[in-house]
Amino acid sequence: MLEDNGFTGHSIASQWGLDVGPIEPGRRLLPKQPFVVGGGYDIDNLYSGQSLEGMRFRAYLASQIHDLPDDAQVEFEISR
């Protein structure tokens, strides 16, 4: 059994499984509001999204904020 030390996400994934059901292959739990900009580590801030989509978004976000100081304000601009 995995030790839940807050880094694995085991407890929240287990709770998701009980509340919503299993996560389908090729999908993972992703934050609606990214953790790095204050999104909560709770079920209400998560959705089941495509793994690749999530990786691309997090990489894009990381490339945009990597030089900012910890207390910098971040503004999102959503476009298609």
C-alpha atoms as a PDB file:
ATOM      1  CA  MET A   1       0.000   0.000   0.000  1.00  0.00           C
ATOM      2  CA  LEU A   2       1.214   3.494  -0.813  1.00  0.00           C
ATOM      3  CA  GLU A   3       2.163   5.706   2.066  1.00  0.00           C
ATOM      4  CA  ASP A   4       0.169   8.931   1.869  1.00  0.00           C
ATOM      5  CA  ASN A   5       2.782  11.584   2.511  1.00  0.00           C
ATOM      6  CA  GLY A   6       1.047  14.352   0.563  1.00  0.00           C
ATOM      7  CA  PHE A   7       3.293  13.945  -2.482  1.00  0.00           C
ATOM      8  CA  THR A   8       1.722  10.957  -4.198  1.00  0.00           C
ATOM      9  CA  GLY A   9      -1.882  12.143  -4.337  1.00  0.00           C
ATOM     10  CA  HIS A  10      -2.940   8.673  -3.217  1.00  0.00           C
ATOM     11  CA  SER A  11      -5.572   9.843  -0.720  1.00  0.00           C
ATOM     12  CA  ILE A  12      -7.246  12.302  -3.088  1.00  0.00           C
ATOM     13  CA  ALA A  13      -7.197   9.786  -5.971  1.00  0.00           C
ATOM     14  CA  SER A  14      -8.772   7.212  -3.664  1.00  0.00           C
ATOM     15  CA  GLN A  15     -11.455   9.704  -2.648  1.00  0.00           C
ATOM     16  CA  TRP A  16     -12.085  10.533  -6.330  1.00  0.00           C
ATOM     17  CA  GLY A  17     -12.539   6.830  -7.017  1.00  0.00           C
ATOM     18  CA  LEU A  18     -15.130   6.549  -4.250  1.00  0.00           C
ATOM     19  CA  ASP A  19     -17.003   9.748  -5.193  1.00  0.00           C
ATOM     20  CA  VAL A  20     -16.776   9.774  -8.996  1.00  0.00           C
ATOM     21  CA  GLY A  21     -15.461   6.405 -10.112  1.00  0.00           C
ATOM     22  CA  PRO A  22     -12.286   5.080 -11.676  1.00  0.00           C
ATOM     23  CA  ILE A  23     -10.054   7.261 -13.836  1.00  0.00           C
ATOM     24  CA  GLU A  24     -10.055   5.986 -17.404  1.00  0.00           C
ATOM     25  CA  PRO A  25      -6.803   4.962 -19.149  1.00  0.00           C
ATOM     26  CA  GLY A  26      -5.090   7.922 -20.815  1.00  0.00           C
ATOM     27  CA  ARG A  27      -6.614  10.351 -18.324  1.00  0.00           C
ATOM     28  CA  ARG A  28      -5.451  11.736 -15.010  1.00  0.00           C
ATOM     29  CA  LEU A  29      -6.660  14.088 -12.339  1.00  0.00           C
ATOM     30  CA  LEU A  30      -5.798  17.667 -13.275  1.00  0.00           C
ATOM     31  CA  PRO A  31      -6.334  20.887 -11.335  1.00  0.00           C
ATOM     32  CA  LYS A  32      -8.897  23.393 -12.581  1.00  0.00           C
ATOM     33  CA  GLN A  33      -6.792  26.130 -10.988  1.00  0.00           C
ATOM     34  CA  PRO A  34      -3.120  25.087 -11.142  1.00  0.00           C
ATOM     35  CA  PHE A  35      -1.566  24.306  -7.770  1.00  0.00           C
ATOM     36  CA  VAL A  36       1.363  26.604  -8.487  1.00  0.00           C
ATOM     37  CA  VAL A  37      -0.989  29.612  -8.562  1.00  0.00           C
ATOM     38  CA  GLY A  38      -2.971  28.695  -5.467  1.00  0.00           C
ATOM     39  CA  GLY A  39      -5.337  25.948  -6.621  1.00  0.00           C
ATOM     40  CA  GLY A  40      -6.506  23.729  -3.789  1.00  0.00           C
ATOM     41  CA  TYR A  41      -5.478  20.119  -3.297  1.00  0.00           C
ATOM     42  CA  ASP A  42      -9.068  18.923  -3.074  1.00  0.00           C
ATOM     43  CA  ILE A  43     -11.720  17.163  -5.141  1.00  0.00           C
ATOM     44  CA  ASP A  44     -13.503  20.433  -5.999  1.00  0.00           C
ATOM     45  CA  ASN A  45     -10.413  21.703  -7.837  1.00  0.00           C
ATOM     46  CA  LEU A  46      -9.922  18.553  -9.927  1.00  0.00           C
ATOM     47  CA  TYR A  47     -11.245  17.128 -13.157  1.00  0.00           C
ATOM     48  CA  SER A  48     -10.411  14.053 -15.188  1.00  0.00           C
ATOM     49  CA  GLY A  49      -8.511  15.259 -18.241  1.00  0.00           C
ATOM     50  CA  GLN A  50      -6.449  13.818 -21.043  1.00  0.00           C
ATOM     51  CA  SER A  51      -2.907  13.131 -19.835  1.00  0.00           C
ATOM     52  CA  LEU A  52      -1.192  14.713 -22.831  1.00  0.00           C
ATOM     53  CA  GLU A  53      -3.355  17.846 -22.670  1.00  0.00           C
ATOM     54  CA  GLY A  54      -2.467  18.262 -18.997  1.00  0.00           C
ATOM     55  CA  MET A  55       1.256  17.810 -19.603  1.00  0.00           C
ATOM     56  CA  ARG A  56       1.237  20.358 -22.426  1.00  0.00           C
ATOM     57  CA  PHE A  57      -0.630  22.928 -20.363  1.00  0.00           C
ATOM     58  CA  ARG A  58       1.643  22.523 -17.334  1.00  0.00           C
ATOM     59  CA  ALA A  59       4.747  22.772 -19.536  1.00  0.00           C
ATOM     60  CA  TYR A  60       3.397  25.940 -21.162  1.00  0.00           C
ATOM     61  CA  LEU A  61       2.551  27.454 -17.771  1.00  0.00           C
ATOM     62  CA  ALA A  62       5.969  26.543 -16.353  1.00  0.00           C
ATOM     63  CA  SER A  63       7.730  28.175 -19.318  1.00  0.00           C
ATOM     64  CA  GLN A  64       5.753  31.374 -18.720  1.00  0.00           C
ATOM     65  CA  ILE A  65       6.344  31.695 -14.964  1.00  0.00           C
ATOM     66  CA  HIS A  66       9.751  30.096 -14.354  1.00  0.00           C
ATOM     67  CA  ASP A  67      11.577  33.431 -13.843  1.00  0.00           C
ATOM     68  CA  LEU A  68       8.928  35.076 -11.674  1.00  0.00           C
ATOM     69  CA  PRO A  69       9.498  35.607  -7.963  1.00  0.00           C
ATOM     70  CA  ASP A  70       7.367  33.527  -5.576  1.00  0.00           C
ATOM     71  CA  ASP A  71       5.067  36.434  -4.698  1.00  0.00           C
ATOM     72  CA  ALA A  72       4.418  37.559  -8.292  1.00  0.00           C
ATOM     73  CA  GLN A  73       0.827  37.978  -9.429  1.00  0.00           C
ATOM     74  CA  VAL A  74      -0.184  35.908 -12.444  1.00  0.00           C
ATOM     75  CA  GLU A  75      -2.991  36.806 -14.812  1.00  0.00           C
ATOM     76  CA  PHE A  76      -4.488  34.224 -17.142  1.00  0.00           C
ATOM     77  CA  GLU A  77      -5.584  35.109 -20.645  1.00  0.00           C
ATOM     78  CA  ILE A  78      -7.761  32.405 -22.151  1.00  0.00           C
ATOM     79  CA  SER A  79      -7.787  32.211 -25.945  1.00  0.00           C
ATOM     80  CA  ARG A  80      -8.533  29.638 -28.629  1.00  0.00           C
END
